[in-house]
Amino acid sequence: MSEKKIIIYFYNRLFDPVIQSNFWLYIQELLDDPQNPYFFHVVTYEDNEAPLTPAQQDLVRRWKAQGVGWTALEWHRGASLSKKLQDLLAGFLAVLKLRMQGYRYITSLNSVAGAFAYLYSLVLGLRLYMYQYEPHSEYAIDNGIWAKESRQFKITNFLERKSAHFASVISSGTRFMEQRLTKDWKVSGKFFKIPSVANSDKFKFDPLVREEMRKSLGIEDRWVLLYPGKFGDLYYKEEFAHMFRWLLDLEPKLFLLIVTPHTDEEVHNLLAVANIPREAYCVCHSGYDEIQRYYFAADFGIISVPPGPSKKFISNIKVGEYLCAGLPYLVTRGVSEDYIYAEEQNVGVVVDDFVEDEVVGVWPKMKELLTQDPEARRAHCRQVGLEYRGFENLYPRVKAAFAALVDEAPNSFRGVSK
């Protein structure tokens, strides 16, 4: 029996929160398992402007001691085609070297990495597992980032579709992508429905942290809406500011807690568009290590994703984190299965868009949730979150997906698996 040597290919930094808060949770669990049958080698693209911290260096040493190899490539900053081609070539050479060392399987996360991994697999004869497969080219169309006639869209969309038909294993977060891949496109690879996981231990509510955070921010008596994210591109921008303005007009007790990589000045200028007074919000910055503290300080979460035909395929990490921290959330209709859970499980409110009549119309339901017994509300949201996005529920599916990747029995990749 051949060794089960798997390349993990990320078109990200190793310590990008998207990696560490999601897929890496599963890898860490496998590494800690004495019965782990896999040998992993990770290929990443590191940013010279974001060097590893001492704590991160310690983690890397720990993972290497557990048998993980790591190839850290240099990320070429910029969105031009030439920069992407540089990264593509560097990745190919790294994967080629590993192929010559006996690595026969590769797994990727998200769209660009999936497209690159598909090309490597096609040339080098690797079996491909695409984790969290989503149509990012279609997101770009829905958000007006690319034109449908653009070269970027045509190339990316072509590679997304070709990779789906090539992959031995695919996982994605919604019933809608399952329908597309297994019924509409009839891909031959094995499908596993795996929404974005939440670190349920990290986001377990801590009342002492809540008290400390609310006191330090001066928001002890406010209803706090949390938004930990970016503005623009795939997310609302000015519409977000107006959304909060309409809610604030209805309830002056509301307070907006923003945790973002944007500068304070950028956020101040954005919220000034809707004449939001500075005493009604706070702009904070946090790494992933401390982000849960802001969740504990809040009462309600916001998902700032505009609607669009492709948005049903999204699996937003924040929803699982909100729920596991005990927070209900506001979301637009048609986004992932999150809007379905919000309504059917009574853990949030749904608007068609961030427009005044929709936002004003949903306020009574938001107020109803905010005025519920806080402990009961948190307990209910967390239970839904554990069932929907909890690690314990999703880890067995990831283990099954890896097992399917290395299962090379004849015809073993036909059909569908949940």
Protein backbone atom coordinates (compact mmCIF):
# COMPACT_ATOMS: atom_id res chain seq x y z
CA MET A 1 0.00 0.00 0.00
CA SER A 2 1.43 3.40 -1.01
CA GLU A 3 2.00 6.17 1.51
CA LYS A 4 -0.86 8.65 1.76
CA LYS A 5 1.14 11.78 1.02
CA ILE A 6 -1.06 14.85 0.47
CA ILE A 7 -0.10 18.32 -0.71
CA ILE A 8 -2.15 21.07 0.92
CA TYR A 9 -2.08 23.99 -1.50
CA PHE A 10 -3.12 27.43 -0.24
CA TYR A 11 -3.03 30.60 -2.32
CA ASN A 12 -2.81 32.43 1.02
CA ARG A 13 -0.46 32.95 3.91
CA LEU A 14 -0.32 30.00 6.29
CA PHE A 15 -1.58 32.20 9.13
CA ASP A 16 -4.26 33.99 7.14
CA PRO A 17 -7.36 33.94 9.37
CA VAL A 18 -9.32 32.39 6.49
CA ILE A 19 -7.00 29.37 6.79
CA GLN A 20 -6.55 29.16 10.54
CA SER A 21 -10.23 29.68 11.40
CA ASN A 22 -11.43 27.15 8.88
CA PHE A 23 -9.60 24.33 7.09
CA TRP A 24 -6.60 24.24 9.39
CA LEU A 25 -8.81 23.28 12.33
CA TYR A 26 -9.29 19.92 10.63
CA ILE A 27 -5.60 19.52 9.82
CA GLN A 28 -4.64 20.24 13.41
CA GLU A 29 -7.12 17.62 14.64
CA LEU A 30 -5.66 15.07 12.24
CA LEU A 31 -2.12 15.91 13.35
CA ASP A 32 -3.08 15.40 16.98
CA ASP A 33 -4.60 12.00 16.21
CA PRO A 34 -2.10 9.16 16.85
CA GLN A 35 -3.90 7.15 14.17
CA ASN A 36 -3.56 9.87 11.49
CA PRO A 37 -2.70 7.99 8.27
CA TYR A 38 -1.62 11.02 6.22
CA PHE A 39 1.65 12.83 5.51
CA PHE A 40 1.00 16.50 4.75
CA HIS A 41 3.12 19.05 2.95
CA VAL A 42 1.78 22.61 2.86
CA VAL A 43 2.48 25.07 0.06
CA THR A 44 1.65 28.71 0.84
CA TYR A 45 2.38 32.20 -0.45
CA GLU A 46 3.88 34.40 2.24
CA ASP A 47 3.84 38.18 2.36
CA ASN A 48 7.16 39.80 3.28
CA GLU A 49 5.21 42.57 4.97
CA ALA A 50 3.54 40.08 7.34
CA PRO A 51 6.39 38.08 8.94
CA LEU A 52 5.62 35.31 11.41
CA THR A 53 5.26 36.29 15.04
CA PRO A 54 7.21 34.36 17.70
CA ALA A 55 4.01 32.50 18.63
CA GLN A 56 3.45 31.54 15.00
CA GLN A 57 7.04 30.36 14.68
CA ASP A 58 6.45 28.11 17.70
CA LEU A 59 3.39 26.63 16.00
CA VAL A 60 5.33 25.96 12.82
CA ARG A 61 7.99 24.12 14.83
CA ARG A 62 5.26 22.09 16.49
CA TRP A 63 3.67 21.13 13.16
CA LYS A 64 7.03 20.20 11.66
CA ALA A 65 7.66 17.98 14.68
CA GLN A 66 4.34 16.31 13.86
CA GLY A 67 5.63 15.54 10.36
CA VAL A 68 4.25 18.47 8.34
CA GLY A 69 6.43 19.81 5.54
CA TRP A 70 6.13 23.46 4.49
CA THR A 71 7.13 25.25 1.32
CA ALA A 72 6.74 29.02 1.77
CA LEU A 73 6.65 30.79 -1.60
CA GLU A 74 6.87 34.54 -2.08
CA TRP A 75 3.54 36.19 -2.89
CA HIS A 76 3.74 38.66 -5.78
CA ARG A 77 1.62 41.62 -4.74
CA GLY A 78 -0.86 42.89 -7.33
CA ALA A 79 -3.82 41.70 -9.39
CA SER A 80 -2.20 41.77 -12.83
CA LEU A 81 -2.08 38.66 -14.98
CA SER A 82 1.73 38.69 -14.94
CA LYS A 83 1.77 38.54 -11.13
CA LYS A 84 -0.65 35.61 -11.13
CA LEU A 85 1.46 33.80 -13.72
CA GLN A 86 4.54 34.26 -11.52
CA ASP A 87 2.68 32.71 -8.61
CA LEU A 88 1.29 29.95 -10.82
CA LEU A 89 4.77 29.00 -12.06
CA ALA A 90 6.32 29.11 -8.58
CA GLY A 91 3.53 26.88 -7.30
CA PHE A 92 3.98 24.45 -10.18
CA LEU A 93 7.69 24.05 -9.50
CA ALA A 94 7.01 23.44 -5.79
CA VAL A 95 4.30 20.88 -6.53
CA LEU A 96 6.47 19.20 -9.21
CA LYS A 97 9.25 18.73 -6.64
CA LEU A 98 6.78 17.14 -4.23
CA ARG A 99 5.35 14.92 -6.97
CA MET A 100 8.85 13.59 -7.55
CA GLN A 101 9.03 12.82 -3.82
CA GLY A 102 5.98 10.58 -4.02
CA TYR A 103 3.11 12.96 -3.26
CA ARG A 104 0.11 11.80 -5.30
CA TYR A 105 -2.76 13.84 -3.84
CA ILE A 106 -3.48 17.54 -3.55
CA THR A 107 -6.16 19.53 -1.77
CA SER A 108 -6.94 23.22 -2.21
CA LEU A 109 -9.04 25.90 -0.57
CA ASN A 110 -11.19 28.38 -2.53
CA SER A 111 -11.34 29.41 -6.16
CA VAL A 112 -7.91 30.65 -7.29
CA ALA A 113 -6.07 27.93 -5.38
CA GLY A 114 -8.50 25.38 -6.81
CA ALA A 115 -7.84 26.57 -10.37
CA PHE A 116 -4.07 26.42 -9.87
CA ALA A 117 -4.28 23.00 -8.19
CA TYR A 118 -6.42 21.74 -11.09
CA LEU A 119 -3.75 22.73 -13.60
CA TYR A 120 -1.02 21.11 -11.52
CA SER A 121 -3.09 17.95 -11.14
CA LEU A 122 -3.84 17.80 -14.85
CA VAL A 123 -0.16 18.00 -15.81
CA LEU A 124 1.34 15.97 -12.97
CA GLY A 125 -1.28 13.25 -12.55
CA LEU A 126 -2.42 14.18 -9.04
CA ARG A 127 -5.78 13.34 -7.52
CA LEU A 128 -7.52 16.56 -6.51
CA TYR A 129 -9.74 17.43 -3.54
CA MET A 130 -11.27 20.90 -3.74
CA TYR A 131 -12.39 22.04 -0.31
CA GLN A 132 -14.94 24.87 -0.12
CA TYR A 133 -15.52 25.01 -3.86
CA GLU A 134 -17.39 28.22 -4.74
CA PRO A 135 -17.91 30.20 -7.99
CA HIS A 136 -15.85 33.31 -7.26
CA SER A 137 -16.05 34.43 -10.88
CA GLU A 138 -19.84 34.64 -10.52
CA TYR A 139 -19.49 36.58 -7.25
CA ALA A 140 -17.37 39.12 -9.14
CA ILE A 141 -20.09 39.49 -11.78
CA ASP A 142 -22.88 39.92 -9.23
CA ASN A 143 -20.90 42.60 -7.39
CA GLY A 144 -19.92 44.50 -10.52
CA ILE A 145 -16.20 43.82 -10.04
CA TRP A 146 -15.78 42.15 -13.44
CA ALA A 147 -17.72 42.38 -16.68
CA LYS A 148 -19.01 39.15 -18.16
CA GLU A 149 -16.99 39.87 -21.31
CA SER A 150 -13.77 40.45 -19.37
CA ARG A 151 -10.75 38.19 -19.73
CA GLN A 152 -10.58 37.72 -15.94
CA PHE A 153 -14.12 36.35 -15.79
CA LYS A 154 -13.79 34.09 -18.82
CA ILE A 155 -10.53 32.50 -17.66
CA THR A 156 -11.60 32.09 -14.03
CA ASN A 157 -15.05 30.78 -14.88
CA PHE A 158 -13.61 28.31 -17.38
CA LEU A 159 -11.12 26.98 -14.83
CA GLU A 160 -13.77 26.76 -12.10
CA ARG A 161 -15.98 24.59 -14.28
CA LYS A 162 -13.18 22.42 -15.66
CA SER A 163 -11.75 21.82 -12.18
CA ALA A 164 -15.15 20.72 -10.88
CA HIS A 165 -15.38 18.06 -13.56
CA PHE A 166 -11.79 16.94 -12.98
CA ALA A 167 -11.68 16.75 -9.17
CA SER A 168 -11.88 13.37 -7.46
CA VAL A 169 -13.48 14.93 -4.38
CA ILE A 170 -15.33 18.22 -3.90
CA SER A 171 -16.84 19.77 -0.80
CA SER A 172 -18.92 22.91 -0.59
CA GLY A 173 -21.22 24.46 1.95
CA THR A 174 -24.75 24.50 0.57
CA ARG A 175 -27.49 22.31 -0.84
CA PHE A 176 -27.49 24.67 -3.84
CA MET A 177 -23.94 23.78 -4.87
CA GLU A 178 -24.71 20.12 -4.26
CA GLN A 179 -27.62 20.44 -6.70
CA ARG A 180 -25.47 22.20 -9.29
CA LEU A 181 -22.58 19.74 -9.17
CA THR A 182 -24.39 16.45 -8.79
CA LYS A 183 -27.63 17.07 -10.69
CA ASP A 184 -26.99 19.89 -13.18
CA TRP A 185 -23.32 19.42 -14.07
CA LYS A 186 -23.23 15.71 -13.21
CA VAL A 187 -19.62 15.77 -12.04
CA SER A 188 -18.02 12.38 -11.48
CA GLY A 189 -16.15 13.30 -8.29
CA LYS A 190 -17.53 12.51 -4.88
CA PHE A 191 -19.36 15.39 -3.19
CA PHE A 192 -19.46 16.21 0.52
CA LYS A 193 -21.58 19.01 1.91
CA ILE A 194 -19.32 20.82 4.40
CA PRO A 195 -20.20 24.42 5.32
CA SER A 196 -17.52 26.72 6.70
CA VAL A 197 -16.68 25.48 10.18
CA ALA A 198 -16.69 27.60 13.32
CA ASN A 199 -14.21 27.10 16.13
CA SER A 200 -16.92 26.42 18.70
CA ASP A 201 -14.48 26.33 21.63
CA LYS A 202 -12.92 29.67 20.75
CA PHE A 203 -16.34 31.31 20.32
CA LYS A 204 -17.94 29.95 23.49
CA PHE A 205 -19.46 32.93 25.31
CA ASP A 206 -17.51 34.31 28.27
CA PRO A 207 -19.52 36.68 30.52
CA LEU A 208 -16.40 38.06 32.21
CA VAL A 209 -14.87 39.06 28.89
CA ARG A 210 -18.19 40.62 27.87
CA GLU A 211 -18.28 42.74 31.01
CA GLU A 212 -14.65 43.79 30.61
CA MET A 213 -15.02 44.68 26.92
CA ARG A 214 -18.27 46.60 27.30
CA LYS A 215 -16.86 48.57 30.22
CA SER A 216 -13.67 49.44 28.35
CA LEU A 217 -15.70 50.59 25.32
CA GLY A 218 -18.25 52.47 27.41
CA ILE A 219 -21.21 50.54 26.00
CA GLU A 220 -22.60 48.84 29.11
CA ASP A 221 -26.19 49.96 28.45
CA ARG A 222 -26.29 49.72 24.66
CA TRP A 223 -27.63 47.14 22.21
CA VAL A 224 -24.47 46.37 20.28
CA LEU A 225 -24.44 45.39 16.60
CA LEU A 226 -21.18 43.75 15.52
CA TYR A 227 -19.56 43.89 12.11
CA PRO A 228 -16.10 42.24 11.88
CA GLY A 229 -15.14 42.71 8.26
CA LYS A 230 -14.42 44.80 5.21
CA PHE A 231 -16.38 47.31 3.14
CA GLY A 232 -16.71 47.31 -0.65
CA ASP A 233 -15.97 44.75 -3.38
CA LEU A 234 -17.88 41.63 -2.24
CA TYR A 235 -19.51 43.52 0.64
CA TYR A 236 -21.79 46.50 1.06
CA LYS A 237 -20.18 49.91 1.44
CA GLU A 238 -22.33 53.08 1.56
CA GLU A 239 -25.41 50.88 1.85
CA PHE A 240 -24.02 49.56 5.13
CA ALA A 241 -23.78 53.07 6.56
CA HIS A 242 -27.37 53.88 5.59
CA MET A 243 -28.58 50.57 7.02
CA PHE A 244 -27.25 51.49 10.44
CA ARG A 245 -28.55 55.05 10.16
CA TRP A 246 -32.10 53.79 9.60
CA LEU A 247 -31.86 51.45 12.57
CA LEU A 248 -30.35 54.16 14.77
CA ASP A 249 -33.23 56.48 13.93
CA LEU A 250 -35.62 53.79 15.16
CA GLU A 251 -33.64 52.95 18.30
CA PRO A 252 -31.02 55.40 19.69
CA LYS A 253 -29.90 52.70 22.15
CA LEU A 254 -28.13 50.87 19.31
CA PHE A 255 -24.34 50.96 19.02
CA LEU A 256 -22.22 49.74 16.10
CA LEU A 257 -19.01 47.86 16.90
CA ILE A 258 -16.78 47.56 13.83
CA VAL A 259 -13.65 45.38 13.79
CA THR A 260 -11.91 45.89 10.48
CA PRO A 261 -8.59 46.06 8.59
CA HIS A 262 -9.66 49.45 7.17
CA THR A 263 -8.17 52.54 8.77
CA ASP A 264 -10.19 54.54 11.28
CA GLU A 265 -10.32 57.44 8.83
CA GLU A 266 -11.72 55.25 6.05
CA VAL A 267 -14.53 54.06 8.33
CA HIS A 268 -15.24 57.54 9.70
CA ASN A 269 -15.54 58.87 6.14
CA LEU A 270 -17.81 56.01 5.15
CA LEU A 271 -20.20 56.42 8.07
CA ALA A 272 -20.22 60.20 7.62
CA VAL A 273 -22.05 59.59 4.34
CA ALA A 274 -25.09 58.67 6.45
CA ASN A 275 -24.41 61.33 9.13
CA ILE A 276 -23.80 58.75 11.84
CA PRO A 277 -22.46 60.45 14.99
CA ARG A 278 -19.16 59.11 16.28
CA GLU A 279 -20.64 58.40 19.70
CA ALA A 280 -22.88 55.78 18.04
CA TYR A 281 -20.04 53.54 16.88
CA CYS A 282 -16.50 52.39 17.54
CA VAL A 283 -13.79 51.31 15.09
CA CYS A 284 -11.50 48.57 16.42
CA HIS A 285 -8.75 46.38 15.01
CA SER A 286 -7.89 42.85 16.03
CA GLY A 287 -5.98 39.80 14.95
CA TYR A 288 -7.71 36.44 14.89
CA ASP A 289 -6.30 35.52 18.30
CA GLU A 290 -8.43 38.14 20.06
CA ILE A 291 -11.42 38.52 17.74
CA GLN A 292 -13.81 36.47 19.88
CA ARG A 293 -13.70 39.14 22.62
CA TYR A 294 -15.64 41.51 20.37
CA TYR A 295 -18.25 38.86 19.65
CA PHE A 296 -18.82 38.43 23.39
CA ALA A 297 -19.30 42.19 23.77
CA ALA A 298 -22.04 42.27 21.12
CA ASP A 299 -25.75 41.41 20.99
CA PHE A 300 -26.38 41.01 17.26
CA GLY A 301 -24.25 40.26 14.20
CA ILE A 302 -24.39 41.67 10.67
CA ILE A 303 -23.71 39.81 7.42
CA SER A 304 -22.97 42.53 4.88
CA VAL A 305 -23.26 40.53 1.64
CA PRO A 306 -25.40 42.00 -1.16
CA PRO A 307 -27.91 39.66 -2.85
CA GLY A 308 -27.29 38.09 -6.24
CA PRO A 309 -27.87 34.83 -8.10
CA SER A 310 -24.49 33.37 -7.12
CA LYS A 311 -24.72 34.27 -3.43
CA LYS A 312 -26.64 31.11 -2.61
CA PHE A 313 -23.34 29.26 -2.97
CA ILE A 314 -21.50 31.25 -0.27
CA SER A 315 -20.68 29.70 3.09
CA ASN A 316 -19.83 32.65 5.31
CA ILE A 317 -17.53 31.85 8.25
CA LYS A 318 -18.96 34.71 10.32
CA VAL A 319 -22.41 33.11 10.57
CA GLY A 320 -21.06 30.07 12.38
CA GLU A 321 -18.96 32.27 14.65
CA TYR A 322 -21.93 34.51 15.46
CA LEU A 323 -24.12 31.56 16.33
CA CYS A 324 -21.51 29.74 18.40
CA ALA A 325 -20.94 32.98 20.33
CA GLY A 326 -24.70 33.19 20.95
CA LEU A 327 -25.47 36.01 18.52
CA PRO A 328 -28.45 36.25 16.17
CA TYR A 329 -27.68 37.95 12.87
CA LEU A 330 -29.03 40.10 10.04
CA VAL A 331 -28.57 38.69 6.53
CA THR A 332 -29.86 39.28 3.00
CA ARG A 333 -32.24 36.82 1.39
CA GLY A 334 -30.62 34.30 -0.92
CA VAL A 335 -27.24 34.28 0.83
CA SER A 336 -26.10 30.68 1.41
CA GLU A 337 -28.46 28.66 3.61
CA ASP A 338 -27.91 31.31 6.28
CA TYR A 339 -31.13 33.17 5.50
CA ILE A 340 -33.06 29.89 5.74
CA TYR A 341 -31.59 29.11 9.15
CA ALA A 342 -32.25 32.68 10.34
CA GLU A 343 -35.96 32.36 9.65
CA GLU A 344 -36.63 28.68 10.29
CA GLN A 345 -34.52 28.43 13.45
CA ASN A 346 -35.39 31.91 14.76
CA VAL A 347 -31.76 32.99 15.01
CA GLY A 348 -31.84 36.10 12.87
CA VAL A 349 -33.64 38.46 10.54
CA VAL A 350 -33.69 38.59 6.74
CA VAL A 351 -33.92 41.54 4.35
CA ASP A 352 -34.09 41.48 0.55
CA ASP A 353 -31.50 44.26 0.35
CA PHE A 354 -29.99 47.05 2.45
CA VAL A 355 -32.72 49.53 1.48
CA GLU A 356 -34.80 51.63 3.85
CA ASP A 357 -38.17 49.90 3.67
CA GLU A 358 -36.57 46.47 4.17
CA VAL A 359 -34.38 47.54 7.09
CA VAL A 360 -37.17 49.49 8.80
CA GLY A 361 -39.56 46.61 8.23
CA VAL A 362 -37.32 44.08 9.94
CA TRP A 363 -36.66 46.16 13.05
CA PRO A 364 -39.61 44.79 15.09
CA LYS A 365 -38.21 41.27 14.72
CA MET A 366 -34.71 42.46 15.62
CA LYS A 367 -36.10 44.18 18.71
CA GLU A 368 -37.98 41.04 19.66
CA LEU A 369 -34.73 39.06 19.58
CA LEU A 370 -32.82 41.75 21.46
CA THR A 371 -35.39 41.85 24.24
CA GLN A 372 -35.41 38.10 24.80
CA ASP A 373 -33.77 36.70 27.91
CA PRO A 374 -30.06 37.00 26.97
CA GLU A 375 -29.03 33.63 28.41
CA ALA A 376 -31.84 31.80 26.64
CA ARG A 377 -31.12 33.61 23.37
CA ARG A 378 -27.42 32.79 23.54
CA ALA A 379 -28.09 29.15 24.38
CA HIS A 380 -30.51 28.75 21.48
CA CYS A 381 -28.21 30.45 18.95
CA ARG A 382 -25.23 28.39 20.08
CA GLN A 383 -27.13 25.12 19.80
CA VAL A 384 -28.17 25.97 16.24
CA GLY A 385 -24.59 27.00 15.48
CA LEU A 386 -23.16 23.74 16.79
CA GLU A 387 -25.55 21.72 14.66
CA TYR A 388 -25.07 23.87 11.54
CA ARG A 389 -21.39 24.84 11.69
CA GLY A 390 -19.87 23.09 14.70
CA PHE A 391 -16.55 21.28 14.40
CA GLU A 392 -17.80 18.06 15.98
CA ASN A 393 -20.52 17.71 13.35
CA LEU A 394 -18.34 18.59 10.36
CA TYR A 395 -15.04 16.88 11.17
CA PRO A 396 -16.32 13.36 10.31
CA ARG A 397 -17.30 14.64 6.85
CA VAL A 398 -13.79 16.02 6.28
CA LYS A 399 -12.26 12.72 7.38
CA ALA A 400 -14.55 10.93 4.94
CA ALA A 401 -13.53 13.34 2.16
CA PHE A 402 -9.82 12.65 2.74
CA ALA A 403 -10.53 8.91 2.83
CA ALA A 404 -12.32 9.24 -0.52
CA LEU A 405 -9.37 11.17 -1.96
CA VAL A 406 -6.91 8.36 -1.27
CA ASP A 407 -9.37 5.56 -2.17
CA GLU A 408 -8.30 4.51 -5.64
CA ALA A 409 -10.57 1.50 -6.05
CA PRO A 410 -12.13 1.23 -9.51
CA ASN A 411 -15.28 3.35 -9.86
CA SER A 412 -14.97 4.51 -6.24
CA PHE A 413 -15.69 8.11 -7.19
CA ARG A 414 -19.10 7.75 -8.72
CA GLY A 415 -22.18 8.98 -6.91
CA VAL A 416 -22.83 11.39 -4.11
CA SER A 417 -22.05 11.36 -0.42
CA LYS A 418 -23.35 13.64 2.31
